[in-house]
């Protein structure tokens, strides 16, 4: 179980990381709009994965920080592992999409 101070620090850092991911995504979409570059669009779409993963991580850290209860005697820490699995799946899906777009 992660200490309360560590959980607060992790949550605060993840908020910063997610905010930066959103800002970068907005700049990439703006750059694509101005240039109509397919390479920039691809990078912006990849940033979508970063933004979604950031919000999933934020939520999982919030859940993992909850204290143990009757239904979860060992705490809620497994939420972080579930988040990692979802993020990995998003990366795999994005790679399939990029390969598909490259071929067709």
C-alpha atoms as a PDB file:
ATOM      1  CA  UNK A   1       0.000   0.000   0.000  1.00  0.00           C
ATOM      2  CA  UNK A   2       1.329   3.422  -0.953  1.00  0.00           C
ATOM      3  CA  UNK A   3       1.551   6.022   1.806  1.00  0.00           C
ATOM      4  CA  UNK A   4      -0.905   8.926   1.729  1.00  0.00           C
ATOM      5  CA  UNK A   5       1.865  11.460   1.046  1.00  0.00           C
ATOM      6  CA  UNK A   6       3.256   9.389  -1.802  1.00  0.00           C
ATOM      7  CA  UNK A   7      -0.233   8.932  -3.272  1.00  0.00           C
ATOM      8  CA  UNK A   8      -0.846  12.704  -3.183  1.00  0.00           C
ATOM      9  CA  UNK A   9       2.509  13.355  -4.843  1.00  0.00           C
ATOM     10  CA  UNK A  10       1.809  10.768  -7.556  1.00  0.00           C
ATOM     11  CA  UNK A  11      -1.632  12.253  -8.196  1.00  0.00           C
ATOM     12  CA  UNK A  12      -0.230  15.802  -8.392  1.00  0.00           C
ATOM     13  CA  UNK A  13       2.514  14.745 -10.809  1.00  0.00           C
ATOM     14  CA  UNK A  14       0.051  12.855 -12.992  1.00  0.00           C
ATOM     15  CA  UNK A  15      -2.152  15.957 -13.191  1.00  0.00           C
ATOM     16  CA  UNK A  16       0.860  17.912 -14.468  1.00  0.00           C
ATOM     17  CA  UNK A  17       1.778  15.199 -16.988  1.00  0.00           C
ATOM     18  CA  UNK A  18      -1.800  15.002 -18.265  1.00  0.00           C
ATOM     19  CA  UNK A  19      -2.046  18.785 -18.610  1.00  0.00           C
ATOM     20  CA  UNK A  20       1.197  18.856 -20.605  1.00  0.00           C
ATOM     21  CA  UNK A  21      -0.091  16.040 -22.852  1.00  0.00           C
ATOM     22  CA  UNK A  22      -3.289  18.003 -23.543  1.00  0.00           C
ATOM     23  CA  UNK A  23      -1.334  21.182 -24.333  1.00  0.00           C
ATOM     24  CA  UNK A  24       0.997  19.310 -26.707  1.00  0.00           C
ATOM     25  CA  UNK A  25      -1.993  17.683 -28.404  1.00  0.00           C
ATOM     26  CA  UNK A  26      -3.602  21.093 -28.971  1.00  0.00           C
ATOM     27  CA  UNK A  27      -0.368  22.490 -30.442  1.00  0.00           C
ATOM     28  CA  UNK A  28       0.003  19.484 -32.742  1.00  0.00           C
ATOM     29  CA  UNK A  29      -3.577  19.797 -33.998  1.00  0.00           C
ATOM     30  CA  UNK A  30      -2.986  23.516 -34.580  1.00  0.00           C
ATOM     31  CA  UNK A  31       0.257  22.747 -36.452  1.00  0.00           C
ATOM     32  CA  UNK A  32      -1.573  20.211 -38.611  1.00  0.00           C
ATOM     33  CA  UNK A  33      -4.357  22.702 -39.319  1.00  0.00           C
ATOM     34  CA  UNK A  34      -1.830  25.291 -40.455  1.00  0.00           C
ATOM     35  CA  UNK A  35       0.358  22.940 -42.530  1.00  0.00           C
ATOM     36  CA  UNK A  36      -1.965  20.065 -43.493  1.00  0.00           C
ATOM     37  CA  UNK A  37       1.054  17.775 -43.023  1.00  0.00           C
ATOM     38  CA  UNK A  38       0.160  14.089 -42.765  1.00  0.00           C
ATOM     39  CA  UNK A  39       3.231  13.499 -40.582  1.00  0.00           C
ATOM     40  CA  UNK A  40       2.053  16.096 -38.072  1.00  0.00           C
ATOM     41  CA  UNK A  41      -1.464  14.650 -38.164  1.00  0.00           C
ATOM     42  CA  UNK A  42      -0.060  11.192 -37.403  1.00  0.00           C
ATOM     43  CA  UNK A  43       1.894  12.607 -34.483  1.00  0.00           C
ATOM     44  CA  UNK A  44      -1.223  14.395 -33.228  1.00  0.00           C
ATOM     45  CA  UNK A  45      -3.207  11.162 -33.413  1.00  0.00           C
ATOM     46  CA  UNK A  46      -0.468   9.413 -31.441  1.00  0.00           C
ATOM     47  CA  UNK A  47      -0.775  12.186 -28.878  1.00  0.00           C
ATOM     48  CA  UNK A  48      -4.416  11.207 -28.506  1.00  0.00           C
ATOM     49  CA  UNK A  49      -3.177   7.966 -26.965  1.00  0.00           C
ATOM     50  CA  UNK A  50      -1.018   9.978 -24.560  1.00  0.00           C
ATOM     51  CA  UNK A  51      -3.950  12.165 -23.508  1.00  0.00           C
ATOM     52  CA  UNK A  52      -6.324   9.234 -23.005  1.00  0.00           C
ATOM     53  CA  UNK A  53      -3.646   7.284 -21.142  1.00  0.00           C
ATOM     54  CA  UNK A  54      -2.965  10.323 -18.969  1.00  0.00           C
ATOM     55  CA  UNK A  55      -6.587  10.569 -17.901  1.00  0.00           C
ATOM     56  CA  UNK A  56      -6.791   6.816 -17.313  1.00  0.00           C
ATOM     57  CA  UNK A  57      -3.667   6.999 -15.157  1.00  0.00           C
ATOM     58  CA  UNK A  58      -5.069   9.948 -13.258  1.00  0.00           C
ATOM     59  CA  UNK A  59      -8.258   8.039 -12.495  1.00  0.00           C
ATOM     60  CA  UNK A  60      -6.392   4.870 -11.523  1.00  0.00           C
ATOM     61  CA  UNK A  61      -4.152   6.794  -9.119  1.00  0.00           C
ATOM     62  CA  UNK A  62      -7.250   8.341  -7.572  1.00  0.00           C
ATOM     63  CA  UNK A  63      -8.800   4.881  -7.107  1.00  0.00           C
ATOM     64  CA  UNK A  64      -5.537   3.334  -5.881  1.00  0.00           C
ATOM     65  CA  UNK A  65      -5.210   6.017  -3.193  1.00  0.00           C
ATOM     66  CA  UNK A  66      -8.482   4.972  -1.560  1.00  0.00           C
ATOM     67  CA  UNK A  67      -8.058   3.176   1.764  1.00  0.00           C
ATOM     68  CA  UNK A  68      -8.833  -0.525   2.068  1.00  0.00           C
ATOM     69  CA  UNK A  69     -12.421  -1.431   2.832  1.00  0.00           C
ATOM     70  CA  UNK A  70     -14.565  -4.509   3.403  1.00  0.00           C
ATOM     71  CA  UNK A  71     -14.714  -5.391  -0.304  1.00  0.00           C
ATOM     72  CA  UNK A  72     -11.025  -4.622  -0.891  1.00  0.00           C
ATOM     73  CA  UNK A  73      -9.108  -5.863   2.158  1.00  0.00           C
ATOM     74  CA  UNK A  74      -5.738  -5.358   0.418  1.00  0.00           C
ATOM     75  CA  UNK A  75      -6.592  -1.880  -0.857  1.00  0.00           C
ATOM     76  CA  UNK A  76      -7.225  -0.570  -4.355  1.00  0.00           C
ATOM     77  CA  UNK A  77      -3.636  -0.645  -5.621  1.00  0.00           C
ATOM     78  CA  UNK A  78      -4.429  -3.072  -8.452  1.00  0.00           C
ATOM     79  CA  UNK A  79      -6.136  -0.192 -10.267  1.00  0.00           C
ATOM     80  CA  UNK A  80      -2.685   1.012 -11.303  1.00  0.00           C
ATOM     81  CA  UNK A  81      -1.893  -2.333 -12.961  1.00  0.00           C
ATOM     82  CA  UNK A  82      -5.227  -2.313 -14.786  1.00  0.00           C
ATOM     83  CA  UNK A  83      -4.424   1.184 -16.017  1.00  0.00           C
ATOM     84  CA  UNK A  84      -1.069  -0.006 -17.368  1.00  0.00           C
ATOM     85  CA  UNK A  85      -2.790  -2.840 -19.251  1.00  0.00           C
ATOM     86  CA  UNK A  86      -5.282  -0.434 -20.824  1.00  0.00           C
ATOM     87  CA  UNK A  87      -2.499   1.964 -21.814  1.00  0.00           C
ATOM     88  CA  UNK A  88      -0.532  -0.878 -23.401  1.00  0.00           C
ATOM     89  CA  UNK A  89      -3.617  -1.920 -25.345  1.00  0.00           C
ATOM     90  CA  UNK A  90      -4.061   1.642 -26.604  1.00  0.00           C
ATOM     91  CA  UNK A  91      -0.476   1.716 -27.866  1.00  0.00           C
ATOM     92  CA  UNK A  92      -0.968  -1.603 -29.666  1.00  0.00           C
ATOM     93  CA  UNK A  93      -4.225  -0.386 -31.246  1.00  0.00           C
ATOM     94  CA  UNK A  94      -2.550   2.834 -32.359  1.00  0.00           C
ATOM     95  CA  UNK A  95       0.306   0.879 -33.936  1.00  0.00           C
ATOM     96  CA  UNK A  96      -2.161  -1.297 -35.881  1.00  0.00           C
ATOM     97  CA  UNK A  97      -3.946   1.843 -37.085  1.00  0.00           C
ATOM     98  CA  UNK A  98      -0.673   3.440 -38.206  1.00  0.00           C
ATOM     99  CA  UNK A  99       0.421   0.280 -40.063  1.00  0.00           C
ATOM    100  CA  UNK A 100      -3.016   0.019 -41.703  1.00  0.00           C
ATOM    101  CA  UNK A 101      -2.862   3.649 -42.824  1.00  0.00           C
ATOM    102  CA  UNK A 102       0.669   3.155 -44.157  1.00  0.00           C
ATOM    103  CA  UNK A 103      -0.372   0.159 -46.266  1.00  0.00           C
ATOM    104  CA  UNK A 104      -3.728   1.368 -47.550  1.00  0.00           C
END
